[in-house]
Amino acid sequence: MGAAFWIKRFSLALVVAFVVLFGVELAKGHSQVAAVQFASFWAVVTGTIFTLAGYVRYRRNPACWLPNDRKA
């Protein structure tokens, strides 16, 4: 998994979080400027945490820890 994969993953999480948070803030009656500021900040935080958590899981690779002769 190269850099492009992780950038796409971050971008997708960023966009989804932004849209959801922006919509919620508008529904709560906040101004558009305040909603954009709030959604932008928390979308970056969410995207970063989501991507880093996935990267840590990828680096640990728990699938390699399974025994070879596992009987189900």
PDB file of N, CA and C in Angstrom:
ATOM      1  N   MET A   1       0.853  -1.168   0.000  1.00  0.00           N
ATOM      2  CA  MET A   1       0.000   0.000   0.000  1.00  0.00           C
ATOM      3  C   MET A   1       0.896   1.227   0.000  1.00  0.00           C
ATOM      4  N   GLY A   2       0.833   1.922  -1.113  1.00  0.00           N
ATOM      5  CA  GLY A   2       1.689   3.080  -1.273  1.00  0.00           C
ATOM      6  C   GLY A   2       1.073   4.352  -0.714  1.00  0.00           C
ATOM      7  N   ALA A   3       1.769   5.441  -0.979  1.00  0.00           N
ATOM      8  CA  ALA A   3       1.330   6.741  -0.473  1.00  0.00           C
ATOM      9  C   ALA A   3      -0.020   7.140  -1.063  1.00  0.00           C
ATOM     10  N   ALA A   4      -0.263   6.787  -2.314  1.00  0.00           N
ATOM     11  CA  ALA A   4      -1.530   7.157  -2.956  1.00  0.00           C
ATOM     12  C   ALA A   4      -2.719   6.542  -2.217  1.00  0.00           C
ATOM     13  N   PHE A   5      -2.580   5.309  -1.764  1.00  0.00           N
ATOM     14  CA  PHE A   5      -3.658   4.649  -1.023  1.00  0.00           C
ATOM     15  C   PHE A   5      -3.989   5.414   0.247  1.00  0.00           C
ATOM     16  N   TRP A   6      -2.960   5.799   0.999  1.00  0.00           N
ATOM     17  CA  TRP A   6      -3.186   6.481   2.273  1.00  0.00           C
ATOM     18  C   TRP A   6      -3.711   7.893   2.060  1.00  0.00           C
ATOM     19  N   ILE A   7      -3.280   8.551   0.991  1.00  0.00           N
ATOM     20  CA  ILE A   7      -3.801   9.888   0.680  1.00  0.00           C
ATOM     21  C   ILE A   7      -5.272   9.803   0.295  1.00  0.00           C
ATOM     22  N   LYS A   8      -5.630   8.803  -0.508  1.00  0.00           N
ATOM     23  CA  LYS A   8      -7.039   8.615  -0.877  1.00  0.00           C
ATOM     24  C   LYS A   8      -7.887   8.299   0.357  1.00  0.00           C
ATOM     25  N   ARG A   9      -7.363   7.471   1.224  1.00  0.00           N
ATOM     26  CA  ARG A   9      -8.083   7.097   2.447  1.00  0.00           C
ATOM     27  C   ARG A   9      -8.310   8.317   3.329  1.00  0.00           C
ATOM     28  N   PHE A  10      -7.272   9.146   3.496  1.00  0.00           N
ATOM     29  CA  PHE A  10      -7.389  10.372   4.283  1.00  0.00           C
ATOM     30  C   PHE A  10      -8.390  11.321   3.637  1.00  0.00           C
ATOM     31  N   SER A  11      -8.298  11.482   2.319  1.00  0.00           N
ATOM     32  CA  SER A  11      -9.195  12.400   1.609  1.00  0.00           C
ATOM     33  C   SER A  11     -10.649  11.975   1.735  1.00  0.00           C
ATOM     34  N   LEU A  12     -10.904  10.697   1.609  1.00  0.00           N
ATOM     35  CA  LEU A  12     -12.275  10.206   1.727  1.00  0.00           C
ATOM     36  C   LEU A  12     -12.823  10.444   3.131  1.00  0.00           C
ATOM     37  N   ALA A  13     -12.039  10.134   4.139  1.00  0.00           N
ATOM     38  CA  ALA A  13     -12.474  10.367   5.521  1.00  0.00           C
ATOM     39  C   ALA A  13     -12.682  11.855   5.769  1.00  0.00           C
ATOM     40  N   LEU A  14     -11.810  12.684   5.218  1.00  0.00           N
ATOM     41  CA  LEU A  14     -11.905  14.130   5.382  1.00  0.00           C
ATOM     42  C   LEU A  14     -13.199  14.663   4.778  1.00  0.00           C
ATOM     43  N   VAL A  15     -13.494  14.259   3.553  1.00  0.00           N
ATOM     44  CA  VAL A  15     -14.690  14.756   2.861  1.00  0.00           C
ATOM     45  C   VAL A  15     -15.963  14.297   3.565  1.00  0.00           C
ATOM     46  N   VAL A  16     -16.025  13.028   3.923  1.00  0.00           N
ATOM     47  CA  VAL A  16     -17.226  12.505   4.585  1.00  0.00           C
ATOM     48  C   VAL A  16     -17.450  13.202   5.922  1.00  0.00           C
ATOM     49  N   ALA A  17     -16.392  13.337   6.712  1.00  0.00           N
ATOM     50  CA  ALA A  17     -16.522  14.004   8.009  1.00  0.00           C
ATOM     51  C   ALA A  17     -16.932  15.460   7.832  1.00  0.00           C
ATOM     52  N   PHE A  18     -16.357  16.137   6.846  1.00  0.00           N
ATOM     53  CA  PHE A  18     -16.691  17.543   6.622  1.00  0.00           C
ATOM     54  C   PHE A  18     -18.160  17.708   6.258  1.00  0.00           C
ATOM     55  N   VAL A  19     -18.633  16.896   5.333  1.00  0.00           N
ATOM     56  CA  VAL A  19     -20.029  17.011   4.887  1.00  0.00           C
ATOM     57  C   VAL A  19     -20.988  16.760   6.047  1.00  0.00           C
ATOM     58  N   VAL A  20     -20.730  15.720   6.811  1.00  0.00           N
ATOM     59  CA  VAL A  20     -21.614  15.393   7.936  1.00  0.00           C
ATOM     60  C   VAL A  20     -21.592  16.502   8.985  1.00  0.00           C
ATOM     61  N   LEU A  21     -20.409  16.930   9.377  1.00  0.00           N
ATOM     62  CA  LEU A  21     -20.297  17.957  10.413  1.00  0.00           C
ATOM     63  C   LEU A  21     -20.846  19.303   9.947  1.00  0.00           C
ATOM     64  N   PHE A  22     -20.616  19.648   8.702  1.00  0.00           N
ATOM     65  CA  PHE A  22     -21.136  20.899   8.160  1.00  0.00           C
ATOM     66  C   PHE A  22     -22.664  20.888   8.164  1.00  0.00           C
ATOM     67  N   GLY A  23     -23.248  19.776   7.734  1.00  0.00           N
ATOM     68  CA  GLY A  23     -24.703  19.657   7.739  1.00  0.00           C
ATOM     69  C   GLY A  23     -25.289  19.738   9.136  1.00  0.00           C
ATOM     70  N   VAL A  24     -24.640  19.099  10.081  1.00  0.00           N
ATOM     71  CA  VAL A  24     -25.122  19.125  11.465  1.00  0.00           C
ATOM     72  C   VAL A  24     -25.050  20.536  12.033  1.00  0.00           C
ATOM     73  N   GLU A  25     -23.960  21.221  11.780  1.00  0.00           N
ATOM     74  CA  GLU A  25     -23.810  22.584  12.293  1.00  0.00           C
ATOM     75  C   GLU A  25     -24.845  23.524  11.676  1.00  0.00           C
ATOM     76  N   LEU A  26     -25.125  23.361  10.392  1.00  0.00           N
ATOM     77  CA  LEU A  26     -26.160  24.191   9.764  1.00  0.00           C
ATOM     78  C   LEU A  26     -27.533  23.862  10.338  1.00  0.00           C
ATOM     79  N   ALA A  27     -27.780  22.581  10.582  1.00  0.00           N
ATOM     80  CA  ALA A  27     -29.069  22.172  11.153  1.00  0.00           C
ATOM     81  C   ALA A  27     -29.250  22.717  12.564  1.00  0.00           C
ATOM     82  N   LYS A  28     -28.151  22.903  13.276  1.00  0.00           N
ATOM     83  CA  LYS A  28     -28.223  23.458  14.625  1.00  0.00           C
ATOM     84  C   LYS A  28     -28.412  24.974  14.612  1.00  0.00           C
ATOM     85  N   GLY A  29     -28.352  25.589  13.427  1.00  0.00           N
ATOM     86  CA  GLY A  29     -28.613  27.016  13.318  1.00  0.00           C
ATOM     87  C   GLY A  29     -27.390  27.909  13.353  1.00  0.00           C
ATOM     88  N   HIS A  30     -26.206  27.339  13.214  1.00  0.00           N
ATOM     89  CA  HIS A  30     -24.987  28.150  13.201  1.00  0.00           C
ATOM     90  C   HIS A  30     -24.815  28.804  11.831  1.00  0.00           C
ATOM     91  N   SER A  31     -24.051  29.880  11.784  1.00  0.00           N
ATOM     92  CA  SER A  31     -23.792  30.548  10.505  1.00  0.00           C
ATOM     93  C   SER A  31     -22.912  29.658   9.632  1.00  0.00           C
ATOM     94  N   GLN A  32     -22.908  29.945   8.331  1.00  0.00           N
ATOM     95  CA  GLN A  32     -22.120  29.128   7.412  1.00  0.00           C
ATOM     96  C   GLN A  32     -20.624  29.238   7.691  1.00  0.00           C
ATOM     97  N   VAL A  33     -20.171  30.422   8.048  1.00  0.00           N
ATOM     98  CA  VAL A  33     -18.748  30.606   8.334  1.00  0.00           C
ATOM     99  C   VAL A  33     -18.338  29.783   9.552  1.00  0.00           C
ATOM    100  N   ALA A  34     -19.134  29.850  10.603  1.00  0.00           N
ATOM    101  CA  ALA A  34     -18.833  29.073  11.806  1.00  0.00           C
ATOM    102  C   ALA A  34     -18.910  27.577  11.515  1.00  0.00           C
ATOM    103  N   ALA A  35     -19.879  27.177  10.700  1.00  0.00           N
ATOM    104  CA  ALA A  35     -20.023  25.760  10.356  1.00  0.00           C
ATOM    105  C   ALA A  35     -18.828  25.265   9.550  1.00  0.00           C
ATOM    106  N   VAL A  36     -18.343  26.085   8.627  1.00  0.00           N
ATOM    107  CA  VAL A  36     -17.178  25.697   7.823  1.00  0.00           C
ATOM    108  C   VAL A  36     -15.937  25.586   8.702  1.00  0.00           C
ATOM    109  N   GLN A  37     -15.749  26.527   9.604  1.00  0.00           N
ATOM    110  CA  GLN A  37     -14.587  26.480  10.494  1.00  0.00           C
ATOM    111  C   GLN A  37     -14.623  25.237  11.383  1.00  0.00           C
ATOM    112  N   PHE A  38     -15.761  24.983  11.983  1.00  0.00           N
ATOM    113  CA  PHE A  38     -15.914  23.826  12.861  1.00  0.00           C
ATOM    114  C   PHE A  38     -15.700  22.530  12.081  1.00  0.00           C
ATOM    115  N   ALA A  39     -16.383  22.413  10.949  1.00  0.00           N
ATOM    116  CA  ALA A  39     -16.309  21.186  10.159  1.00  0.00           C
ATOM    117  C   ALA A  39     -14.907  20.970   9.599  1.00  0.00           C
ATOM    118  N   SER A  40     -14.243  22.025   9.187  1.00  0.00           N
ATOM    119  CA  SER A  40     -12.889  21.890   8.644  1.00  0.00           C
ATOM    120  C   SER A  40     -11.922  21.363   9.695  1.00  0.00           C
ATOM    121  N   PHE A  41     -11.945  21.967  10.862  1.00  0.00           N
ATOM    122  CA  PHE A  41     -11.032  21.542  11.925  1.00  0.00           C
ATOM    123  C   PHE A  41     -11.267  20.087  12.308  1.00  0.00           C
ATOM    124  N   TRP A  42     -12.510  19.739  12.590  1.00  0.00           N
ATOM    125  CA  TRP A  42     -12.791  18.386  13.057  1.00  0.00           C
ATOM    126  C   TRP A  42     -12.698  17.352  11.948  1.00  0.00           C
ATOM    127  N   ALA A  43     -12.881  17.751  10.706  1.00  0.00           N
ATOM    128  CA  ALA A  43     -12.695  16.819   9.594  1.00  0.00           C
ATOM    129  C   ALA A  43     -11.221  16.449   9.459  1.00  0.00           C
ATOM    130  N   VAL A  44     -10.334  17.424   9.629  1.00  0.00           N
ATOM    131  CA  VAL A  44      -8.898  17.136   9.571  1.00  0.00           C
ATOM    132  C   VAL A  44      -8.499  16.220  10.727  1.00  0.00           C
ATOM    133  N   VAL A  45      -9.000  16.500  11.910  1.00  0.00           N
ATOM    134  CA  VAL A  45      -8.693  15.657  13.074  1.00  0.00           C
ATOM    135  C   VAL A  45      -9.205  14.236  12.841  1.00  0.00           C
ATOM    136  N   THR A  46     -10.444  14.118  12.385  1.00  0.00           N
ATOM    137  CA  THR A  46     -11.040  12.806  12.142  1.00  0.00           C
ATOM    138  C   THR A  46     -10.288  12.044  11.058  1.00  0.00           C
ATOM    139  N   GLY A  47      -9.985  12.706   9.953  1.00  0.00           N
ATOM    140  CA  GLY A  47      -9.250  12.066   8.869  1.00  0.00           C
ATOM    141  C   GLY A  47      -7.879  11.589   9.303  1.00  0.00           C
ATOM    142  N   THR A  48      -7.202  12.397  10.110  1.00  0.00           N
ATOM    143  CA  THR A  48      -5.874  12.029  10.597  1.00  0.00           C
ATOM    144  C   THR A  48      -5.937  10.810  11.506  1.00  0.00           C
ATOM    145  N   ILE A  49      -6.849  10.820  12.449  1.00  0.00           N
ATOM    146  CA  ILE A  49      -6.970   9.686  13.374  1.00  0.00           C
ATOM    147  C   ILE A  49      -7.371   8.418  12.625  1.00  0.00           C
ATOM    148  N   PHE A  50      -8.324   8.527  11.716  1.00  0.00           N
ATOM    149  CA  PHE A  50      -8.779   7.374  10.945  1.00  0.00           C
ATOM    150  C   PHE A  50      -7.636   6.780  10.125  1.00  0.00           C
ATOM    151  N   THR A  51      -6.878   7.633   9.458  1.00  0.00           N
ATOM    152  CA  THR A  51      -5.792   7.161   8.605  1.00  0.00           C
ATOM    153  C   THR A  51      -4.643   6.586   9.430  1.00  0.00           C
ATOM    154  N   LEU A  52      -4.281   7.250  10.509  1.00  0.00           N
ATOM    155  CA  LEU A  52      -3.198   6.734  11.351  1.00  0.00           C
ATOM    156  C   LEU A  52      -3.568   5.406  12.004  1.00  0.00           C
ATOM    157  N   ALA A  53      -4.814   5.262  12.416  1.00  0.00           N
ATOM    158  CA  ALA A  53      -5.248   3.988  13.003  1.00  0.00           C
ATOM    159  C   ALA A  53      -5.162   2.866  11.969  1.00  0.00           C
ATOM    160  N   GLY A  54      -5.570   3.143  10.749  1.00  0.00           N
ATOM    161  CA  GLY A  54      -5.456   2.146   9.690  1.00  0.00           C
ATOM    162  C   GLY A  54      -4.014   1.810   9.367  1.00  0.00           C
ATOM    163  N   TYR A  55      -3.160   2.822   9.372  1.00  0.00           N
ATOM    164  CA  TYR A  55      -1.743   2.600   9.083  1.00  0.00           C
ATOM    165  C   TYR A  55      -1.084   1.752  10.172  1.00  0.00           C
ATOM    166  N   VAL A  56      -1.421   2.024  11.428  1.00  0.00           N
ATOM    167  CA  VAL A  56      -0.860   1.237  12.531  1.00  0.00           C
ATOM    168  C   VAL A  56      -1.307  -0.217  12.410  1.00  0.00           C
ATOM    169  N   ARG A  57      -2.575  -0.430  12.108  1.00  0.00           N
ATOM    170  CA  ARG A  57      -3.056  -1.815  11.925  1.00  0.00           C
ATOM    171  C   ARG A  57      -2.349  -2.484  10.757  1.00  0.00           C
ATOM    172  N   TYR A  58      -2.132  -1.735   9.679  1.00  0.00           N
ATOM    173  CA  TYR A  58      -1.443  -2.280   8.510  1.00  0.00           C
ATOM    174  C   TYR A  58       0.001  -2.654   8.856  1.00  0.00           C
ATOM    175  N   ARG A  59       0.673  -1.813   9.620  1.00  0.00           N
ATOM    176  CA  ARG A  59       2.071  -2.073   9.971  1.00  0.00           C
ATOM    177  C   ARG A  59       2.201  -3.269  10.921  1.00  0.00           C
ATOM    178  N   ARG A  60       1.243  -3.441  11.807  1.00  0.00           N
ATOM    179  CA  ARG A  60       1.292  -4.581  12.738  1.00  0.00           C
ATOM    180  C   ARG A  60       0.983  -5.882  12.024  1.00  0.00           C
ATOM    181  N   ASN A  61       0.111  -5.818  11.026  1.00  0.00           N
ATOM    182  CA  ASN A  61      -0.266  -6.963  10.201  1.00  0.00           C
ATOM    183  C   ASN A  61      -0.634  -8.183  11.039  1.00  0.00           C
ATOM    184  N   PRO A  62      -1.749  -8.134  11.749  1.00  0.00           N
ATOM    185  CA  PRO A  62      -2.124  -9.258  12.615  1.00  0.00           C
ATOM    186  C   PRO A  62      -2.395 -10.554  11.855  1.00  0.00           C
ATOM    187  N   ALA A  63      -2.624 -10.495  10.554  1.00  0.00           N
ATOM    188  CA  ALA A  63      -2.860 -11.718   9.793  1.00  0.00           C
ATOM    189  C   ALA A  63      -1.617 -12.606   9.797  1.00  0.00           C
ATOM    190  N   CYS A  64      -0.458 -12.022   9.927  1.00  0.00           N
ATOM    191  CA  CYS A  64       0.783 -12.805   9.947  1.00  0.00           C
ATOM    192  C   CYS A  64       0.979 -13.535  11.269  1.00  0.00           C
ATOM    193  N   TRP A  65       0.241 -13.163  12.288  1.00  0.00           N
ATOM    194  CA  TRP A  65       0.417 -13.772  13.598  1.00  0.00           C
ATOM    195  C   TRP A  65      -0.355 -15.081  13.745  1.00  0.00           C
ATOM    196  N   LEU A  66      -1.202 -15.416  12.791  1.00  0.00           N
ATOM    197  CA  LEU A  66      -1.991 -16.640  12.894  1.00  0.00           C
ATOM    198  C   LEU A  66      -1.091 -17.856  12.693  1.00  0.00           C
ATOM    199  N   PRO A  67      -1.342 -18.925  13.426  1.00  0.00           N
ATOM    200  CA  PRO A  67      -0.543 -20.137  13.226  1.00  0.00           C
ATOM    201  C   PRO A  67      -0.840 -20.741  11.854  1.00  0.00           C
ATOM    202  N   ASN A  68       0.152 -21.401  11.279  1.00  0.00           N
ATOM    203  CA  ASN A  68       0.006 -21.968   9.940  1.00  0.00           C
ATOM    204  C   ASN A  68      -0.928 -23.172   9.909  1.00  0.00           C
ATOM    205  N   ASP A  69      -0.972 -23.961  10.960  1.00  0.00           N
ATOM    206  CA  ASP A  69      -1.784 -25.173  10.973  1.00  0.00           C
ATOM    207  C   ASP A  69      -3.049 -25.011  11.816  1.00  0.00           C
ATOM    208  N   ARG A  70      -3.659 -23.865  11.709  1.00  0.00           N
ATOM    209  CA  ARG A  70      -4.875 -23.590  12.485  1.00  0.00           C
ATOM    210  C   ARG A  70      -6.012 -24.492  11.996  1.00  0.00           C
ATOM    211  N   LYS A  71      -6.686 -25.156  12.930  1.00  0.00           N
ATOM    212  CA  LYS A  71      -7.805 -26.027  12.581  1.00  0.00           C
ATOM    213  C   LYS A  71      -9.087 -25.374  13.054  1.00  0.00           C
ATOM    214  N   ALA A  72     -10.011 -25.200  12.124  1.00  0.00           N
ATOM    215  CA  ALA A  72     -11.274 -24.531  12.459  1.00  0.00           C
ATOM    216  C   ALA A  72     -12.305 -25.520  12.910  1.00  0.00           C
TER     217      ALA A  72
END
